[in-house]
Amino acid sequence: MRLYPVFLSLASCSVLVVGAGPVGRRKISALLEAGAEDILVFDPGLSPEAALELARMPGVRALSRAAEANDTAGRRRVFAAPKDTAENRRRAALCRAMGALCDEGGAREGGRFP
C-alpha cells in the first residue's frame, strides 16, 4: 500500500482518541500541540491516576470505558490507539462508514488513515 502524505488543521476540531496507553498519550499530546480543542478519550483500562493526568490537560475529557459505535458520531478525526489490533480494525471500519478520518496506528507504531 502506498501512503499519501496529508496535513490537517485540527483547530476547533472535535477529536476522538480510543486508548490512553503510551501511544494514545503521545497522540493526545501531539493533538494538543496541533491546536485540537475538544479531545474525547476512551480507555476501559484507564487508571485513576491516568484519568487525573488527562483531566489536567485543557480540552481533554477521558472516560474509563470502551468506545461505543455512537461515540464516533460528530467526530471528524479519530485516532485509534488501543493495544488490541482487532479493536483498531473495528474502529477504522466504523469511521469509514461514518465518514470520519481515522488513524488506526495504535496497536503498532506509525498509523495509517484507511
PDB file of N, CA and C in Angstrom:
ATOM      1  N   MET A   1       0.843  -1.176   0.000  1.00  0.00           N
ATOM      2  CA  MET A   1       0.000   0.000   0.000  1.00  0.00           C
ATOM      3  C   MET A   1       0.889   1.240   0.000  1.00  0.00           C
ATOM      4  N   ARG A   2       0.601   2.151  -0.865  1.00  0.00           N
ATOM      5  CA  ARG A   2       1.288   3.433  -0.873  1.00  0.00           C
ATOM      6  C   ARG A   2       0.542   4.403   0.025  1.00  0.00           C
ATOM      7  N   LEU A   3       1.292   5.239   0.701  1.00  0.00           N
ATOM      8  CA  LEU A   3       0.682   6.219   1.591  1.00  0.00           C
ATOM      9  C   LEU A   3       0.752   7.600   0.960  1.00  0.00           C
ATOM     10  N   TYR A   4      -0.275   8.372   1.185  1.00  0.00           N
ATOM     11  CA  TYR A   4      -0.355   9.731   0.677  1.00  0.00           C
ATOM     12  C   TYR A   4      -0.197  10.677   1.847  1.00  0.00           C
ATOM     13  N   PRO A   5       0.852  11.514   1.844  1.00  0.00           N
ATOM     14  CA  PRO A   5       1.034  12.429   2.981  1.00  0.00           C
ATOM     15  C   PRO A   5      -0.075  13.477   3.011  1.00  0.00           C
ATOM     16  N   VAL A   6      -0.493  13.799   4.212  1.00  0.00           N
ATOM     17  CA  VAL A   6      -1.576  14.762   4.356  1.00  0.00           C
ATOM     18  C   VAL A   6      -1.318  15.609   5.603  1.00  0.00           C
ATOM     19  N   PHE A   7      -1.655  16.880   5.532  1.00  0.00           N
ATOM     20  CA  PHE A   7      -1.562  17.780   6.672  1.00  0.00           C
ATOM     21  C   PHE A   7      -2.974  18.233   7.003  1.00  0.00           C
ATOM     22  N   LEU A   8      -3.323  18.186   8.268  1.00  0.00           N
ATOM     23  CA  LEU A   8      -4.667  18.530   8.697  1.00  0.00           C
ATOM     24  C   LEU A   8      -4.638  19.675   9.692  1.00  0.00           C
ATOM     25  N   SER A   9      -5.552  20.598   9.532  1.00  0.00           N
ATOM     26  CA  SER A   9      -5.744  21.613  10.555  1.00  0.00           C
ATOM     27  C   SER A   9      -6.682  21.020  11.598  1.00  0.00           C
ATOM     28  N   LEU A  10      -6.260  21.024  12.837  1.00  0.00           N
ATOM     29  CA  LEU A  10      -7.089  20.483  13.912  1.00  0.00           C
ATOM     30  C   LEU A  10      -7.687  21.574  14.780  1.00  0.00           C
ATOM     31  N   ALA A  11      -7.497  22.826  14.387  1.00  0.00           N
ATOM     32  CA  ALA A  11      -8.060  23.946  15.139  1.00  0.00           C
ATOM     33  C   ALA A  11      -9.578  23.788  15.205  1.00  0.00           C
ATOM     34  N   SER A  12     -10.115  23.882  16.392  1.00  0.00           N
ATOM     35  CA  SER A  12     -11.558  23.778  16.644  1.00  0.00           C
ATOM     36  C   SER A  12     -12.141  22.441  16.218  1.00  0.00           C
ATOM     37  N   CYS A  13     -11.323  21.416  16.134  1.00  0.00           N
ATOM     38  CA  CYS A  13     -11.768  20.092  15.712  1.00  0.00           C
ATOM     39  C   CYS A  13     -12.171  19.264  16.931  1.00  0.00           C
ATOM     40  N   SER A  14     -13.239  18.500  16.778  1.00  0.00           N
ATOM     41  CA  SER A  14     -13.625  17.526  17.796  1.00  0.00           C
ATOM     42  C   SER A  14     -12.947  16.213  17.438  1.00  0.00           C
ATOM     43  N   VAL A  15     -12.104  15.733  18.340  1.00  0.00           N
ATOM     44  CA  VAL A  15     -11.281  14.564  18.067  1.00  0.00           C
ATOM     45  C   VAL A  15     -11.585  13.476  19.079  1.00  0.00           C
ATOM     46  N   LEU A  16     -11.607  12.242  18.605  1.00  0.00           N
ATOM     47  CA  LEU A  16     -11.792  11.081  19.467  1.00  0.00           C
ATOM     48  C   LEU A  16     -10.495  10.293  19.488  1.00  0.00           C
ATOM     49  N   VAL A  17     -10.040   9.918  20.679  1.00  0.00           N
ATOM     50  CA  VAL A  17      -8.876   9.049  20.829  1.00  0.00           C
ATOM     51  C   VAL A  17      -9.339   7.804  21.573  1.00  0.00           C
ATOM     52  N   VAL A  18      -9.135   6.651  20.953  1.00  0.00           N
ATOM     53  CA  VAL A  18      -9.510   5.380  21.564  1.00  0.00           C
ATOM     54  C   VAL A  18      -8.230   4.731  22.071  1.00  0.00           C
ATOM     55  N   GLY A  19      -8.073   4.704  23.381  1.00  0.00           N
ATOM     56  CA  GLY A  19      -6.884   4.137  24.003  1.00  0.00           C
ATOM     57  C   GLY A  19      -6.023   5.234  24.610  1.00  0.00           C
ATOM     58  N   ALA A  20      -5.652   5.064  25.878  1.00  0.00           N
ATOM     59  CA  ALA A  20      -4.855   6.077  26.574  1.00  0.00           C
ATOM     60  C   ALA A  20      -3.561   5.496  27.118  1.00  0.00           C
ATOM     61  N   GLY A  21      -3.061   4.474  26.429  1.00  0.00           N
ATOM     62  CA  GLY A  21      -1.768   3.917  26.803  1.00  0.00           C
ATOM     63  C   GLY A  21      -0.663   4.824  26.286  1.00  0.00           C
ATOM     64  N   PRO A  22       0.561   4.325  26.209  1.00  0.00           N
ATOM     65  CA  PRO A  22       1.683   5.156  25.757  1.00  0.00           C
ATOM     66  C   PRO A  22       1.469   5.768  24.369  1.00  0.00           C
ATOM     67  N   VAL A  23       0.957   4.984  23.420  1.00  0.00           N
ATOM     68  CA  VAL A  23       0.717   5.504  22.073  1.00  0.00           C
ATOM     69  C   VAL A  23      -0.394   6.547  22.105  1.00  0.00           C
ATOM     70  N   GLY A  24      -1.480   6.243  22.799  1.00  0.00           N
ATOM     71  CA  GLY A  24      -2.586   7.194  22.903  1.00  0.00           C
ATOM     72  C   GLY A  24      -2.180   8.503  23.554  1.00  0.00           C
ATOM     73  N   ARG A  25      -1.365   8.418  24.579  1.00  0.00           N
ATOM     74  CA  ARG A  25      -0.925   9.648  25.255  1.00  0.00           C
ATOM     75  C   ARG A  25      -0.023  10.489  24.363  1.00  0.00           C
ATOM     76  N   ARG A  26       0.835   9.831  23.579  1.00  0.00           N
ATOM     77  CA  ARG A  26       1.648  10.593  22.626  1.00  0.00           C
ATOM     78  C   ARG A  26       0.755  11.283  21.603  1.00  0.00           C
ATOM     79  N   LYS A  27      -0.283  10.586  21.152  1.00  0.00           N
ATOM     80  CA  LYS A  27      -1.209  11.188  20.186  1.00  0.00           C
ATOM     81  C   LYS A  27      -1.946  12.367  20.809  1.00  0.00           C
ATOM     82  N   ILE A  28      -2.385  12.219  22.055  1.00  0.00           N
ATOM     83  CA  ILE A  28      -3.093  13.306  22.741  1.00  0.00           C
ATOM     84  C   ILE A  28      -2.194  14.530  22.848  1.00  0.00           C
ATOM     85  N   SER A  29      -0.956  14.335  23.253  1.00  0.00           N
ATOM     86  CA  SER A  29      -0.009  15.460  23.359  1.00  0.00           C
ATOM     87  C   SER A  29       0.194  16.134  22.010  1.00  0.00           C
ATOM     88  N   ALA A  30       0.363  15.329  20.973  1.00  0.00           N
ATOM     89  CA  ALA A  30       0.560  15.887  19.627  1.00  0.00           C
ATOM     90  C   ALA A  30      -0.688  16.625  19.151  1.00  0.00           C
ATOM     91  N   LEU A  31      -1.866  16.105  19.480  1.00  0.00           N
ATOM     92  CA  LEU A  31      -3.114  16.772  19.096  1.00  0.00           C
ATOM     93  C   LEU A  31      -3.242  18.122  19.782  1.00  0.00           C
ATOM     94  N   LEU A  32      -2.895  18.177  21.055  1.00  0.00           N
ATOM     95  CA  LEU A  32      -2.945  19.455  21.773  1.00  0.00           C
ATOM     96  C   LEU A  32      -1.963  20.450  21.164  1.00  0.00           C
ATOM     97  N   GLU A  33      -0.756  19.985  20.839  1.00  0.00           N
ATOM     98  CA  GLU A  33       0.228  20.862  20.207  1.00  0.00           C
ATOM     99  C   GLU A  33      -0.250  21.350  18.847  1.00  0.00           C
ATOM    100  N   ALA A  34      -1.066  20.545  18.164  1.00  0.00           N
ATOM    101  CA  ALA A  34      -1.575  20.914  16.840  1.00  0.00           C
ATOM    102  C   ALA A  34      -2.815  21.802  16.919  1.00  0.00           C
ATOM    103  N   GLY A  35      -3.300  22.086  18.135  1.00  0.00           N
ATOM    104  CA  GLY A  35      -4.411  23.011  18.281  1.00  0.00           C
ATOM    105  C   GLY A  35      -5.776  22.389  18.469  1.00  0.00           C
ATOM    106  N   ALA A  36      -5.858  21.063  18.630  1.00  0.00           N
ATOM    107  CA  ALA A  36      -7.161  20.444  18.886  1.00  0.00           C
ATOM    108  C   ALA A  36      -7.691  20.978  20.214  1.00  0.00           C
ATOM    109  N   GLU A  37      -8.964  21.319  20.236  1.00  0.00           N
ATOM    110  CA  GLU A  37      -9.551  21.950  21.420  1.00  0.00           C
ATOM    111  C   GLU A  37     -10.534  21.059  22.162  1.00  0.00           C
ATOM    112  N   ASP A  38     -11.000  19.997  21.523  1.00  0.00           N
ATOM    113  CA  ASP A  38     -12.008  19.121  22.119  1.00  0.00           C
ATOM    114  C   ASP A  38     -11.583  17.683  21.849  1.00  0.00           C
ATOM    115  N   ILE A  39     -10.924  17.070  22.832  1.00  0.00           N
ATOM    116  CA  ILE A  39     -10.421  15.710  22.673  1.00  0.00           C
ATOM    117  C   ILE A  39     -11.139  14.816  23.675  1.00  0.00           C
ATOM    118  N   LEU A  40     -11.843  13.825  23.150  1.00  0.00           N
ATOM    119  CA  LEU A  40     -12.551  12.858  23.974  1.00  0.00           C
ATOM    120  C   LEU A  40     -11.771  11.552  23.916  1.00  0.00           C
ATOM    121  N   VAL A  41     -11.453  10.996  25.086  1.00  0.00           N
ATOM    122  CA  VAL A  41     -10.622   9.805  25.181  1.00  0.00           C
ATOM    123  C   VAL A  41     -11.402   8.687  25.865  1.00  0.00           C
ATOM    124  N   PHE A  42     -11.350   7.491  25.282  1.00  0.00           N
ATOM    125  CA  PHE A  42     -11.967   6.309  25.889  1.00  0.00           C
ATOM    126  C   PHE A  42     -10.903   5.247  26.094  1.00  0.00           C
ATOM    127  N   ASP A  43     -10.889   4.656  27.281  1.00  0.00           N
ATOM    128  CA  ASP A  43      -9.996   3.546  27.566  1.00  0.00           C
ATOM    129  C   ASP A  43     -10.562   2.784  28.762  1.00  0.00           C
ATOM    130  N   PRO A  44     -11.012   1.536  28.552  1.00  0.00           N
ATOM    131  CA  PRO A  44     -11.605   0.786  29.656  1.00  0.00           C
ATOM    132  C   PRO A  44     -10.611   0.472  30.772  1.00  0.00           C
ATOM    133  N   GLY A  45      -9.321   0.511  30.482  1.00  0.00           N
ATOM    134  CA  GLY A  45      -8.308   0.227  31.494  1.00  0.00           C
ATOM    135  C   GLY A  45      -7.691   1.471  32.102  1.00  0.00           C
ATOM    136  N   LEU A  46      -8.356   2.595  31.960  1.00  0.00           N
ATOM    137  CA  LEU A  46      -7.823   3.873  32.444  1.00  0.00           C
ATOM    138  C   LEU A  46      -7.729   3.864  33.968  1.00  0.00           C
ATOM    139  N   SER A  47      -6.529   4.063  34.467  1.00  0.00           N
ATOM    140  CA  SER A  47      -6.331   4.089  35.921  1.00  0.00           C
ATOM    141  C   SER A  47      -6.788   5.444  36.465  1.00  0.00           C
ATOM    142  N   PRO A  48      -7.099   5.524  37.749  1.00  0.00           N
ATOM    143  CA  PRO A  48      -7.477   6.813  38.333  1.00  0.00           C
ATOM    144  C   PRO A  48      -6.374   7.860  38.176  1.00  0.00           C
ATOM    145  N   GLU A  49      -5.124   7.431  38.278  1.00  0.00           N
ATOM    146  CA  GLU A  49      -4.003   8.362  38.127  1.00  0.00           C
ATOM    147  C   GLU A  49      -3.951   8.920  36.702  1.00  0.00           C
ATOM    148  N   ALA A  50      -4.114   8.027  35.719  1.00  0.00           N
ATOM    149  CA  ALA A  50      -4.089   8.465  34.321  1.00  0.00           C
ATOM    150  C   ALA A  50      -5.274   9.372  34.024  1.00  0.00           C
ATOM    151  N   ALA A  51      -6.436   9.041  34.581  1.00  0.00           N
ATOM    152  CA  ALA A  51      -7.620   9.884  34.379  1.00  0.00           C
ATOM    153  C   ALA A  51      -7.381  11.281  34.934  1.00  0.00           C
ATOM    154  N   LEU A  52      -6.750  11.364  36.097  1.00  0.00           N
ATOM    155  CA  LEU A  52      -6.444  12.653  36.697  1.00  0.00           C
ATOM    156  C   LEU A  52      -5.444  13.436  35.846  1.00  0.00           C
ATOM    157  N   GLU A  53      -4.418  12.744  35.357  1.00  0.00           N
ATOM    158  CA  GLU A  53      -3.428  13.390  34.488  1.00  0.00           C
ATOM    159  C   GLU A  53      -4.085  13.955  33.231  1.00  0.00           C
ATOM    160  N   LEU A  54      -4.964  13.179  32.601  1.00  0.00           N
ATOM    161  CA  LEU A  54      -5.641  13.635  31.389  1.00  0.00           C
ATOM    162  C   LEU A  54      -6.604  14.781  31.694  1.00  0.00           C
ATOM    163  N   ALA A  55      -7.259  14.726  32.856  1.00  0.00           N
ATOM    164  CA  ALA A  55      -8.209  15.785  33.236  1.00  0.00           C
ATOM    165  C   ALA A  55      -7.517  17.132  33.404  1.00  0.00           C
ATOM    166  N   ARG A  56      -6.238  17.116  33.691  1.00  0.00           N
ATOM    167  CA  ARG A  56      -5.483  18.366  33.849  1.00  0.00           C
ATOM    168  C   ARG A  56      -5.134  19.012  32.508  1.00  0.00           C
ATOM    169  N   MET A  57      -5.289  18.273  31.436  1.00  0.00           N
ATOM    170  CA  MET A  57      -4.966  18.811  30.110  1.00  0.00           C
ATOM    171  C   MET A  57      -6.160  19.597  29.588  1.00  0.00           C
ATOM    172  N   PRO A  58      -5.950  20.815  29.126  1.00  0.00           N
ATOM    173  CA  PRO A  58      -7.074  21.635  28.654  1.00  0.00           C
ATOM    174  C   PRO A  58      -7.745  21.019  27.428  1.00  0.00           C
ATOM    175  N   GLY A  59      -9.058  20.914  27.500  1.00  0.00           N
ATOM    176  CA  GLY A  59      -9.816  20.422  26.353  1.00  0.00           C
ATOM    177  C   GLY A  59      -9.876  18.913  26.232  1.00  0.00           C
ATOM    178  N   VAL A  60      -9.370  18.193  27.233  1.00  0.00           N
ATOM    179  CA  VAL A  60      -9.360  16.723  27.183  1.00  0.00           C
ATOM    180  C   VAL A  60     -10.355  16.178  28.199  1.00  0.00           C
ATOM    181  N   ARG A  61     -11.217  15.290  27.736  1.00  0.00           N
ATOM    182  CA  ARG A  61     -12.138  14.558  28.614  1.00  0.00           C
ATOM    183  C   ARG A  61     -11.850  13.079  28.437  1.00  0.00           C
ATOM    184  N   ALA A  62     -11.636  12.358  29.522  1.00  0.00           N
ATOM    185  CA  ALA A  62     -11.313  10.936  29.449  1.00  0.00           C
ATOM    186  C   ALA A  62     -12.341  10.128  30.219  1.00  0.00           C
ATOM    187  N   LEU A  63     -12.783   9.036  29.617  1.00  0.00           N
ATOM    188  CA  LEU A  63     -13.755   8.157  30.244  1.00  0.00           C
ATOM    189  C   LEU A  63     -13.175   6.752  30.321  1.00  0.00           C
ATOM    190  N   SER A  64     -13.369   6.113  31.460  1.00  0.00           N
ATOM    191  CA  SER A  64     -12.856   4.773  31.692  1.00  0.00           C
ATOM    192  C   SER A  64     -13.877   3.739  31.225  1.00  0.00           C
ATOM    193  N   ARG A  65     -14.014   3.637  29.922  1.00  0.00           N
ATOM    194  CA  ARG A  65     -14.885   2.629  29.316  1.00  0.00           C
ATOM    195  C   ARG A  65     -14.469   2.451  27.866  1.00  0.00           C
ATOM    196  N   ALA A  66     -14.955   1.392  27.260  1.00  0.00           N
ATOM    197  CA  ALA A  66     -14.677   1.158  25.846  1.00  0.00           C
ATOM    198  C   ALA A  66     -15.484   2.141  25.000  1.00  0.00           C
ATOM    199  N   ALA A  67     -14.925   2.524  23.887  1.00  0.00           N
ATOM    200  CA  ALA A  67     -15.657   3.387  22.956  1.00  0.00           C
ATOM    201  C   ALA A  67     -16.754   2.564  22.294  1.00  0.00           C
ATOM    202  N   GLU A  68     -17.904   3.179  22.153  1.00  0.00           N
ATOM    203  CA  GLU A  68     -19.040   2.525  21.506  1.00  0.00           C
ATOM    204  C   GLU A  68     -19.240   3.146  20.127  1.00  0.00           C
ATOM    205  N   ALA A  69     -20.026   2.488  19.307  1.00  0.00           N
ATOM    206  CA  ALA A  69     -20.237   2.938  17.926  1.00  0.00           C
ATOM    207  C   ALA A  69     -20.697   4.389  17.866  1.00  0.00           C
ATOM    208  N   ASN A  70     -21.645   4.776  18.704  1.00  0.00           N
ATOM    209  CA  ASN A  70     -22.191   6.137  18.632  1.00  0.00           C
ATOM    210  C   ASN A  70     -21.214   7.197  19.138  1.00  0.00           C
ATOM    211  N   ASP A  71     -20.120   6.794  19.781  1.00  0.00           N
ATOM    212  CA  ASP A  71     -19.131   7.765  20.255  1.00  0.00           C
ATOM    213  C   ASP A  71     -18.381   8.432  19.107  1.00  0.00           C
ATOM    214  N   THR A  72     -18.398   7.822  17.942  1.00  0.00           N
ATOM    215  CA  THR A  72     -17.720   8.389  16.772  1.00  0.00           C
ATOM    216  C   THR A  72     -18.546   9.505  16.141  1.00  0.00           C
ATOM    217  N   ALA A  73     -19.845   9.491  16.355  1.00  0.00           N
ATOM    218  CA  ALA A  73     -20.729  10.490  15.748  1.00  0.00           C
ATOM    219  C   ALA A  73     -20.277  11.902  16.110  1.00  0.00           C
ATOM    220  N   GLY A  74     -20.176  12.754  15.112  1.00  0.00           N
ATOM    221  CA  GLY A  74     -19.807  14.147  15.319  1.00  0.00           C
ATOM    222  C   GLY A  74     -18.313  14.387  15.422  1.00  0.00           C
ATOM    223  N   ARG A  75     -17.533  13.344  15.389  1.00  0.00           N
ATOM    224  CA  ARG A  75     -16.071  13.461  15.447  1.00  0.00           C
ATOM    225  C   ARG A  75     -15.534  13.288  14.041  1.00  0.00           C
ATOM    226  N   ARG A  76     -14.849  14.296  13.552  1.00  0.00           N
ATOM    227  CA  ARG A  76     -14.331  14.236  12.186  1.00  0.00           C
ATOM    228  C   ARG A  76     -12.957  13.577  12.132  1.00  0.00           C
ATOM    229  N   ARG A  77     -12.257  13.527  13.235  1.00  0.00           N
ATOM    230  CA  ARG A  77     -10.942  12.901  13.287  1.00  0.00           C
ATOM    231  C   ARG A  77     -10.939  11.903  14.446  1.00  0.00           C
ATOM    232  N   VAL A  78     -10.496  10.693  14.153  1.00  0.00           N
ATOM    233  CA  VAL A  78     -10.450   9.645  15.161  1.00  0.00           C
ATOM    234  C   VAL A  78      -9.057   9.028  15.148  1.00  0.00           C
ATOM    235  N   PHE A  79      -8.500   8.856  16.326  1.00  0.00           N
ATOM    236  CA  PHE A  79      -7.194   8.234  16.477  1.00  0.00           C
ATOM    237  C   PHE A  79      -7.385   6.977  17.310  1.00  0.00           C
ATOM    238  N   ALA A  80      -7.244   5.838  16.671  1.00  0.00           N
ATOM    239  CA  ALA A  80      -7.413   4.564  17.358  1.00  0.00           C
ATOM    240  C   ALA A  80      -6.062   4.129  17.892  1.00  0.00           C
ATOM    241  N   ALA A  81      -5.943   4.061  19.196  1.00  0.00           N
ATOM    242  CA  ALA A  81      -4.668   3.711  19.817  1.00  0.00           C
ATOM    243  C   ALA A  81      -4.802   2.630  20.879  1.00  0.00           C
ATOM    244  N   PRO A  82      -5.765   1.707  20.722  1.00  0.00           N
ATOM    245  CA  PRO A  82      -5.832   0.635  21.708  1.00  0.00           C
ATOM    246  C   PRO A  82      -4.731  -0.390  21.455  1.00  0.00           C
ATOM    247  N   LYS A  83      -4.450  -1.205  22.450  1.00  0.00           N
ATOM    248  CA  LYS A  83      -3.448  -2.253  22.291  1.00  0.00           C
ATOM    249  C   LYS A  83      -3.977  -3.396  21.438  1.00  0.00           C
ATOM    250  N   ASP A  84      -5.276  -3.485  21.287  1.00  0.00           N
ATOM    251  CA  ASP A  84      -5.951  -4.573  20.591  1.00  0.00           C
ATOM    252  C   ASP A  84      -6.089  -4.263  19.097  1.00  0.00           C
ATOM    253  N   THR A  85      -5.406  -5.036  18.258  1.00  0.00           N
ATOM    254  CA  THR A  85      -5.443  -4.824  16.806  1.00  0.00           C
ATOM    255  C   THR A  85      -6.851  -4.994  16.254  1.00  0.00           C
ATOM    256  N   ALA A  86      -7.611  -5.957  16.786  1.00  0.00           N
ATOM    257  CA  ALA A  86      -8.989  -6.170  16.312  1.00  0.00           C
ATOM    258  C   ALA A  86      -9.846  -4.934  16.594  1.00  0.00           C
ATOM    259  N   GLU A  87      -9.659  -4.314  17.756  1.00  0.00           N
ATOM    260  CA  GLU A  87     -10.396  -3.086  18.082  1.00  0.00           C
ATOM    261  C   GLU A  87      -9.992  -1.966  17.135  1.00  0.00           C
ATOM    262  N   ASN A  88      -8.718  -1.890  16.798  1.00  0.00           N
ATOM    263  CA  ASN A  88      -8.252  -0.900  15.821  1.00  0.00           C
ATOM    264  C   ASN A  88      -9.016  -1.047  14.510  1.00  0.00           C
ATOM    265  N   ARG A  89      -9.068  -2.253  14.018  1.00  0.00           N
ATOM    266  CA  ARG A  89      -9.743  -2.508  12.732  1.00  0.00           C
ATOM    267  C   ARG A  89     -11.237  -2.209  12.811  1.00  0.00           C
ATOM    268  N   ARG A  90     -11.860  -2.602  13.918  1.00  0.00           N
ATOM    269  CA  ARG A  90     -13.293  -2.347  14.093  1.00  0.00           C
ATOM    270  C   ARG A  90     -13.571  -0.847  14.093  1.00  0.00           C
ATOM    271  N   ARG A  91     -12.748  -0.093  14.827  1.00  0.00           N
ATOM    272  CA  ARG A  91     -12.936   1.356  14.913  1.00  0.00           C
ATOM    273  C   ARG A  91     -12.710   1.998  13.551  1.00  0.00           C
ATOM    274  N   ALA A  92     -11.699   1.562  12.810  1.00  0.00           N
ATOM    275  CA  ALA A  92     -11.413   2.117  11.484  1.00  0.00           C
ATOM    276  C   ALA A  92     -12.579   1.860  10.532  1.00  0.00           C
ATOM    277  N   ALA A  93     -13.149   0.657  10.558  1.00  0.00           N
ATOM    278  CA  ALA A  93     -14.291   0.339   9.694  1.00  0.00           C
ATOM    279  C   ALA A  93     -15.491   1.207  10.057  1.00  0.00           C
ATOM    280  N   LEU A  94     -15.723   1.399  11.332  1.00  0.00           N
ATOM    281  CA  LEU A  94     -16.824   2.248  11.785  1.00  0.00           C
ATOM    282  C   LEU A  94     -16.619   3.686  11.308  1.00  0.00           C
ATOM    283  N   CYS A  95     -15.402   4.174  11.407  1.00  0.00           N
ATOM    284  CA  CYS A  95     -15.104   5.540  10.958  1.00  0.00           C
ATOM    285  C   CYS A  95     -15.356   5.695   9.463  1.00  0.00           C
ATOM    286  N   ARG A  96     -14.907   4.729   8.689  1.00  0.00           N
ATOM    287  CA  ARG A  96     -15.158   4.785   7.239  1.00  0.00           C
ATOM    288  C   ARG A  96     -16.645   4.874   6.961  1.00  0.00           C
ATOM    289  N   ALA A  97     -17.428   4.061   7.669  1.00  0.00           N
ATOM    290  CA  ALA A  97     -18.879   4.052   7.463  1.00  0.00           C
ATOM    291  C   ALA A  97     -19.507   5.390   7.834  1.00  0.00           C
ATOM    292  N   MET A  98     -18.919   6.102   8.799  1.00  0.00           N
ATOM    293  CA  MET A  98     -19.479   7.371   9.259  1.00  0.00           C
ATOM    294  C   MET A  98     -18.817   8.583   8.600  1.00  0.00           C
ATOM    295  N   GLY A  99     -17.828   8.347   7.737  1.00  0.00           N
ATOM    296  CA  GLY A  99     -17.178   9.453   7.045  1.00  0.00           C
ATOM    297  C   GLY A  99     -16.150  10.198   7.877  1.00  0.00           C
ATOM    298  N   ALA A 100     -15.674   9.582   8.944  1.00  0.00           N
ATOM    299  CA  ALA A 100     -14.648  10.205   9.786  1.00  0.00           C
ATOM    300  C   ALA A 100     -13.277   9.686   9.379  1.00  0.00           C
ATOM    301  N   LEU A 101     -12.304  10.546   9.394  1.00  0.00           N
ATOM    302  CA  LEU A 101     -10.933  10.182   9.083  1.00  0.00           C
ATOM    303  C   LEU A 101     -10.324   9.514  10.311  1.00  0.00           C
ATOM    304  N   CYS A 102      -9.777   8.306  10.132  1.00  0.00           N
ATOM    305  CA  CYS A 102      -9.275   7.539  11.269  1.00  0.00           C
ATOM    306  C   CYS A 102      -7.823   7.145  11.071  1.00  0.00           C
ATOM    307  N   ASP A 103      -7.008   7.445  12.059  1.00  0.00           N
ATOM    308  CA  ASP A 103      -5.627   6.975  12.113  1.00  0.00           C
ATOM    309  C   ASP A 103      -5.664   5.725  12.979  1.00  0.00           C
ATOM    310  N   GLU A 104      -5.482   4.579  12.359  1.00  0.00           N
ATOM    311  CA  GLU A 104      -5.583   3.325  13.111  1.00  0.00           C
ATOM    312  C   GLU A 104      -4.216   2.779  13.472  1.00  0.00           C
ATOM    313  N   GLY A 105      -3.311   3.639  13.886  1.00  0.00           N
ATOM    314  CA  GLY A 105      -1.946   3.220  14.166  1.00  0.00           C
ATOM    315  C   GLY A 105      -1.666   2.834  15.584  1.00  0.00           C
ATOM    316  N   GLY A 106      -2.650   2.592  16.407  1.00  0.00           N
ATOM    317  CA  GLY A 106      -2.397   2.392  17.822  1.00  0.00           C
ATOM    318  C   GLY A 106      -1.712   1.102  18.200  1.00  0.00           C
ATOM    319  N   ALA A 107      -2.095  -0.023  17.602  1.00  0.00           N
ATOM    320  CA  ALA A 107      -1.537  -1.295  18.031  1.00  0.00           C
ATOM    321  C   ALA A 107      -0.124  -1.496  17.515  1.00  0.00           C
ATOM    322  N   ARG A 108       0.292  -0.632  16.638  1.00  0.00           N
ATOM    323  CA  ARG A 108       1.666  -0.668  16.151  1.00  0.00           C
ATOM    324  C   ARG A 108       2.105   0.769  15.960  1.00  0.00           C
ATOM    325  N   GLU A 109       3.349   1.040  15.922  1.00  0.00           N
ATOM    326  CA  GLU A 109       3.818   2.413  15.707  1.00  0.00           C
ATOM    327  C   GLU A 109       3.595   2.797  14.258  1.00  0.00           C
ATOM    328  N   GLY A 110       3.327   4.050  14.038  1.00  0.00           N
ATOM    329  CA  GLY A 110       3.108   4.544  12.683  1.00  0.00           C
ATOM    330  C   GLY A 110       1.708   4.214  12.226  1.00  0.00           C
ATOM    331  N   GLY A 111       0.836   5.170  12.201  1.00  0.00           N
ATOM    332  CA  GLY A 111      -0.550   4.907  11.858  1.00  0.00           C
ATOM    333  C   GLY A 111      -0.798   5.000  10.373  1.00  0.00           C
ATOM    334  N   ARG A 112      -2.001   4.684  10.014  1.00  0.00           N
ATOM    335  CA  ARG A 112      -2.424   4.883   8.637  1.00  0.00           C
ATOM    336  C   ARG A 112      -3.879   5.309   8.642  1.00  0.00           C
ATOM    337  N   PHE A 113      -4.223   6.152   7.713  1.00  0.00           N
ATOM    338  CA  PHE A 113      -5.608   6.569   7.563  1.00  0.00           C
ATOM    339  C   PHE A 113      -6.234   5.693   6.493  1.00  0.00           C
ATOM    340  N   PRO A 114      -7.192   4.845   6.842  1.00  0.00           N
ATOM    341  CA  PRO A 114      -7.788   3.953   5.836  1.00  0.00           C
ATOM    342  C   PRO A 114      -8.616   4.722   4.827  1.00  0.00           C
TER     343      PRO A 114
END
